[in-house]
C-alpha atoms as a PDB file:
ATOM      1  CA  MET A   1      -0.135   0.424   0.244  1.00  0.00           C
ATOM      2  CA  ALA A   2       1.042   3.722  -0.498  1.00  0.00           C
ATOM      3  CA  ALA A   3       2.123   6.137   1.816  1.00  0.00           C
ATOM      4  CA  THR A   4      -0.574   8.010   2.548  1.00  0.00           C
ATOM      5  CA  ASP A   5      -0.477  11.646   0.913  1.00  0.00           C
ATOM      6  CA  PRO A   6      -1.266  14.572   3.427  1.00  0.00           C
ATOM      7  CA  ALA A   7      -3.328  15.954   0.835  1.00  0.00           C
ATOM      8  CA  ASN A   8      -5.564  12.954   0.260  1.00  0.00           C
ATOM      9  CA  ILE A   9      -6.360  12.819   4.420  1.00  0.00           C
ATOM     10  CA  ARG A  10      -7.161  17.193   3.850  1.00  0.00           C
ATOM     11  CA  ALA A  11      -9.254  16.124   0.985  1.00  0.00           C
ATOM     12  CA  ALA A  12     -11.512  13.407   3.090  1.00  0.00           C
ATOM     13  CA  LEU A  13     -11.555  15.710   6.508  1.00  0.00           C
ATOM     14  CA  LYS A  14     -13.253  18.550   4.760  1.00  0.00           C
ATOM     15  CA  THR A  15     -15.339  16.043   2.731  1.00  0.00           C
ATOM     16  CA  ALA A  16     -16.323  14.716   6.319  1.00  0.00           C
ATOM     17  CA  LEU A  17     -17.209  18.534   7.543  1.00  0.00           C
ATOM     18  CA  LYS A  18     -19.023  19.036   4.719  1.00  0.00           C
ATOM     19  CA  ASN A  19     -21.695  16.631   4.981  1.00  0.00           C
ATOM     20  CA  GLY A  20     -22.219  17.252   8.289  1.00  0.00           C
ATOM     21  CA  PHE A  21     -22.223  21.014   7.350  1.00  0.00           C
ATOM     22  CA  PRO A  22     -23.671  21.353   4.034  1.00  0.00           C
ATOM     23  CA  ASP A  23     -24.280  24.950   4.485  1.00  0.00           C
ATOM     24  CA  ALA A  24     -20.575  25.668   5.386  1.00  0.00           C
ATOM     25  CA  GLN A  25     -17.793  27.111   3.944  1.00  0.00           C
ATOM     26  CA  VAL A  26     -15.186  24.382   3.904  1.00  0.00           C
ATOM     27  CA  THR A  27     -11.693  23.520   2.758  1.00  0.00           C
ATOM     28  CA  GLY A  28      -8.640  21.400   3.411  1.00  0.00           C
ATOM     29  CA  TYR A  29      -6.358  24.017   3.616  1.00  0.00           C
ATOM     30  CA  ILE A  30      -6.536  27.586   5.765  1.00  0.00           C
ATOM     31  CA  LEU A  31      -9.010  29.937   4.693  1.00  0.00           C
ATOM     32  CA  SER A  32      -7.988  33.403   3.831  1.00  0.00           C
ATOM     33  CA  SER A  33     -10.982  34.694   3.115  1.00  0.00           C
ATOM     34  CA  PRO A  34     -13.925  33.335   5.665  1.00  0.00           C
ATOM     35  CA  ARG A  35     -17.655  33.358   5.463  1.00  0.00           C
ATOM     36  CA  PRO A  36     -18.724  31.950   8.517  1.00  0.00           C
ATOM     37  CA  PRO A  37     -20.112  29.266   9.473  1.00  0.00           C
ATOM     38  CA  CYS A  38     -16.854  28.326   8.103  1.00  0.00           C
ATOM     39  CA  PHE A  39     -13.947  25.099   8.818  1.00  0.00           C
ATOM     40  CA  ASP A  40     -10.869  24.799   7.469  1.00  0.00           C
ATOM     41  CA  VAL A  41      -8.065  22.302   8.247  1.00  0.00           C
ATOM     42  CA  ASP A  42      -4.140  22.091   8.526  1.00  0.00           C
ATOM     43  CA  ILE A  43      -1.484  19.772  10.141  1.00  0.00           C
ATOM     44  CA  HIS A  44      -1.116  20.563  13.662  1.00  0.00           C
ATOM     45  CA  GLU A  45       1.760  21.712  15.239  1.00  0.00           C
ATOM     46  CA  ASP A  46       2.172  18.217  17.208  1.00  0.00           C
ATOM     47  CA  GLY A  47       2.987  16.907  13.125  1.00  0.00           C
ATOM     48  CA  VAL A  48       3.771  13.514  11.837  1.00  0.00           C
ATOM     49  CA  ASN A  49       5.032  10.626  14.127  1.00  0.00           C
ATOM     50  CA  TYR A  50       6.291   8.003  11.630  1.00  0.00           C
ATOM     51  CA  ASP A  51       6.736   4.506  12.325  1.00  0.00           C
ATOM     52  CA  GLN A  52       4.063   3.946  14.923  1.00  0.00           C
ATOM     53  CA  SER A  53       4.085  -0.009  13.269  1.00  0.00           C
ATOM     54  CA  MET A  54       6.877  -2.267  12.173  1.00  0.00           C
ATOM     55  CA  HIS A  55       7.834  -2.342   8.793  1.00  0.00           C
ATOM     56  CA  ARG A  56       6.510   1.208   7.985  1.00  0.00           C
ATOM     57  CA  GLY A  57       3.144   0.251   8.613  1.00  0.00           C
ATOM     58  CA  ILE A  58       1.641   2.952  10.557  1.00  0.00           C
ATOM     59  CA  ASP A  59       2.294   6.951  10.664  1.00  0.00           C
ATOM     60  CA  GLU A  60       0.163   8.728  13.450  1.00  0.00           C
ATOM     61  CA  TRP A  61      -0.768  11.938  11.996  1.00  0.00           C
ATOM     62  CA  TRP A  62      -2.409  15.340  13.222  1.00  0.00           C
ATOM     63  CA  PHE A  63      -4.436  17.630  12.208  1.00  0.00           C
ATOM     64  CA  LYS A  64      -6.410  20.714  13.357  1.00  0.00           C
ATOM     65  CA  VAL A  65      -9.704  22.031  11.814  1.00  0.00           C
ATOM     66  CA  THR A  66     -10.687  25.619  12.535  1.00  0.00           C
ATOM     67  CA  ALA A  67     -14.534  26.236  13.214  1.00  0.00           C
ATOM     68  CA  LEU A  68     -15.665  29.790  12.644  1.00  0.00           C
ATOM     69  CA  CYS A  69     -18.613  31.522  13.561  1.00  0.00           C
ATOM     70  CA  ALA A  70     -19.929  35.004  12.777  1.00  0.00           C
ATOM     71  CA  THR A  71     -19.465  37.694  15.396  1.00  0.00           C
ATOM     72  CA  GLY A  72     -22.399  40.596  14.749  1.00  0.00           C
ATOM     73  CA  VAL A  73     -24.708  39.261  16.869  1.00  0.00           C
ATOM     74  CA  LEU A  74     -22.975  37.213  20.292  1.00  0.00           C
ATOM     75  CA  ASP A  75     -26.042  35.658  21.738  1.00  0.00           C
ATOM     76  CA  GLY A  76     -26.157  33.882  17.967  1.00  0.00           C
ATOM     77  CA  ALA A  77     -22.447  32.877  17.456  1.00  0.00           C
ATOM     78  CA  GLN A  78     -22.392  31.444  21.128  1.00  0.00           C
ATOM     79  CA  LYS A  79     -25.246  29.299  20.064  1.00  0.00           C
ATOM     80  CA  VAL A  80     -24.125  28.560  16.583  1.00  0.00           C
ATOM     81  CA  ARG A  81     -20.750  27.440  18.213  1.00  0.00           C
ATOM     82  CA  ASP A  82     -22.319  25.715  21.394  1.00  0.00           C
ATOM     83  CA  GLY A  83     -23.654  23.520  18.972  1.00  0.00           C
ATOM     84  CA  PHE A  84     -20.138  22.724  17.512  1.00  0.00           C
ATOM     85  CA  LEU A  85     -19.098  22.031  20.394  1.00  0.00           C
ATOM     86  CA  LYS A  86     -21.338  19.188  21.322  1.00  0.00           C
ATOM     87  CA  SER A  87     -20.252  15.606  21.886  1.00  0.00           C
ATOM     88  CA  SER A  88     -22.655  13.756  19.404  1.00  0.00           C
ATOM     89  CA  GLY A  89     -25.609  14.711  17.039  1.00  0.00           C
ATOM     90  CA  THR A  90     -26.484  17.235  14.499  1.00  0.00           C
ATOM     91  CA  GLY A  91     -24.564  20.418  14.709  1.00  0.00           C
ATOM     92  CA  SER A  92     -21.814  18.121  16.516  1.00  0.00           C
ATOM     93  CA  VAL A  93     -18.314  19.047  14.915  1.00  0.00           C
ATOM     94  CA  LYS A  94     -16.948  15.626  16.811  1.00  0.00           C
ATOM     95  CA  ALA A  95     -19.389  13.853  15.611  1.00  0.00           C
ATOM     96  CA  ALA A  96     -19.192  14.777  11.732  1.00  0.00           C
ATOM     97  CA  LEU A  97     -15.574  14.163  11.327  1.00  0.00           C
ATOM     98  CA  GLU A  98     -16.138  10.665  13.464  1.00  0.00           C
ATOM     99  CA  THR A  99     -19.271   9.423  11.227  1.00  0.00           C
ATOM    100  CA  ASP A 100     -16.837   7.129   8.988  1.00  0.00           C
ATOM    101  CA  LYS A 101     -13.113   6.563  11.135  1.00  0.00           C
ATOM    102  CA  THR A 102     -11.389   5.791   8.026  1.00  0.00           C
ATOM    103  CA  LEU A 103     -12.645   8.999   6.128  1.00  0.00           C
ATOM    104  CA  GLY A 104     -14.006   6.709   3.013  1.00  0.00           C
ATOM    105  CA  GLY A 105     -10.620   3.983   3.278  1.00  0.00           C
ATOM    106  CA  VAL A 106      -7.922   6.922   3.176  1.00  0.00           C
ATOM    107  CA  VAL A 107      -6.713   6.850   6.711  1.00  0.00           C
ATOM    108  CA  GLN A 108      -7.202   3.741   9.095  1.00  0.00           C
ATOM    109  CA  ASN A 109      -8.523   5.180  11.667  1.00  0.00           C
ATOM    110  CA  LEU A 110      -9.373   8.807  13.197  1.00  0.00           C
ATOM    111  CA  HIS A 111     -10.379  10.399  16.516  1.00  0.00           C
ATOM    112  CA  VAL A 112     -10.930  13.886  17.669  1.00  0.00           C
ATOM    113  CA  THR A 113      -9.055  14.110  20.954  1.00  0.00           C
ATOM    114  CA  ASN A 114     -10.161  17.335  21.890  1.00  0.00           C
ATOM    115  CA  VAL A 115     -11.743  21.211  21.217  1.00  0.00           C
ATOM    116  CA  VAL A 116     -10.564  24.480  22.287  1.00  0.00           C
ATOM    117  CA  PRO A 117     -13.143  27.184  22.090  1.00  0.00           C
ATOM    118  CA  ARG A 118     -11.454  30.451  20.930  1.00  0.00           C
ATOM    119  CA  THR A 119     -11.939  33.887  19.432  1.00  0.00           C
ATOM    120  CA  LEU A 120      -9.684  34.243  16.502  1.00  0.00           C
ATOM    121  CA  GLN A 121      -8.823  36.758  14.153  1.00  0.00           C
ATOM    122  CA  ALA A 122      -9.076  36.196  10.359  1.00  0.00           C
ATOM    123  CA  SER A 123      -6.289  36.111   8.435  1.00  0.00           C
ATOM    124  CA  ASP A 124      -6.860  38.498   6.125  1.00  0.00           C
ATOM    125  CA  SER A 125      -8.581  41.601   8.102  1.00  0.00           C
ATOM    126  CA  ASP A 126      -8.574  42.705  11.672  1.00  0.00           C
ATOM    127  CA  ALA A 127     -12.558  40.691  11.971  1.00  0.00           C
ATOM    128  CA  LEU A 128     -12.591  38.692  14.869  1.00  0.00           C
ATOM    129  CA  TYR A 129     -14.934  35.531  15.644  1.00  0.00           C
ATOM    130  CA  LEU A 130     -15.834  33.127  18.202  1.00  0.00           C
ATOM    131  CA  GLY A 131     -14.843  29.961  16.884  1.00  0.00           C
ATOM    132  CA  ALA A 132     -12.851  26.603  18.376  1.00  0.00           C
ATOM    133  CA  GLU A 133     -10.121  24.939  17.107  1.00  0.00           C
ATOM    134  CA  TYR A 134     -10.208  20.267  16.942  1.00  0.00           C
ATOM    135  CA  THR A 135      -7.175  18.477  17.587  1.00  0.00           C
ATOM    136  CA  ILE A 136      -7.576  15.251  15.385  1.00  0.00           C
ATOM    137  CA  ARG A 137      -5.427  12.252  15.452  1.00  0.00           C
ATOM    138  CA  VAL A 138      -5.496  10.059  12.362  1.00  0.00           C
ATOM    139  CA  PHE A 139      -3.685   6.412  12.056  1.00  0.00           C
ATOM    140  CA  ALA A 140      -2.274   6.124   7.936  1.00  0.00           C
ATOM    141  CA  SER A 141      -0.660   4.337   6.149  1.00  0.00           C
ATOM    142  CA  GLY A 142       3.159   4.654   6.336  1.00  0.00           C
ATOM    143  CA  SER A 143       4.623   2.484   3.406  1.00  0.00           C
END
């Protein structure tokens, strides 16, 4: 089996989010012009741990999904974020990402390990958004 390409994992995470949030802006890369509610995917600062099983069998990847909510009406944005933070059910980012833990066969397994609520600034403006950053642990083929 060929080694996993991070672009394929990004695309599969994007698809999982789009399936769970069809009306949201979703990209497999960092958004430059967010239109909340929106999600982007990036490699987490914990990166990649190679060779987690013998003979290059498994690599452990860490990804980050950032969710942004509008801030124009704070109560509304907080309610949207509260829905994102749920551990299960409709509106839960964790549930959307873990619906298929193999991401259609792209990875061997994934687990959303934690979420941190944040106030985030858009990269292209001074706009502030309520948001959340999710950490996703992915086990994928290393060889």
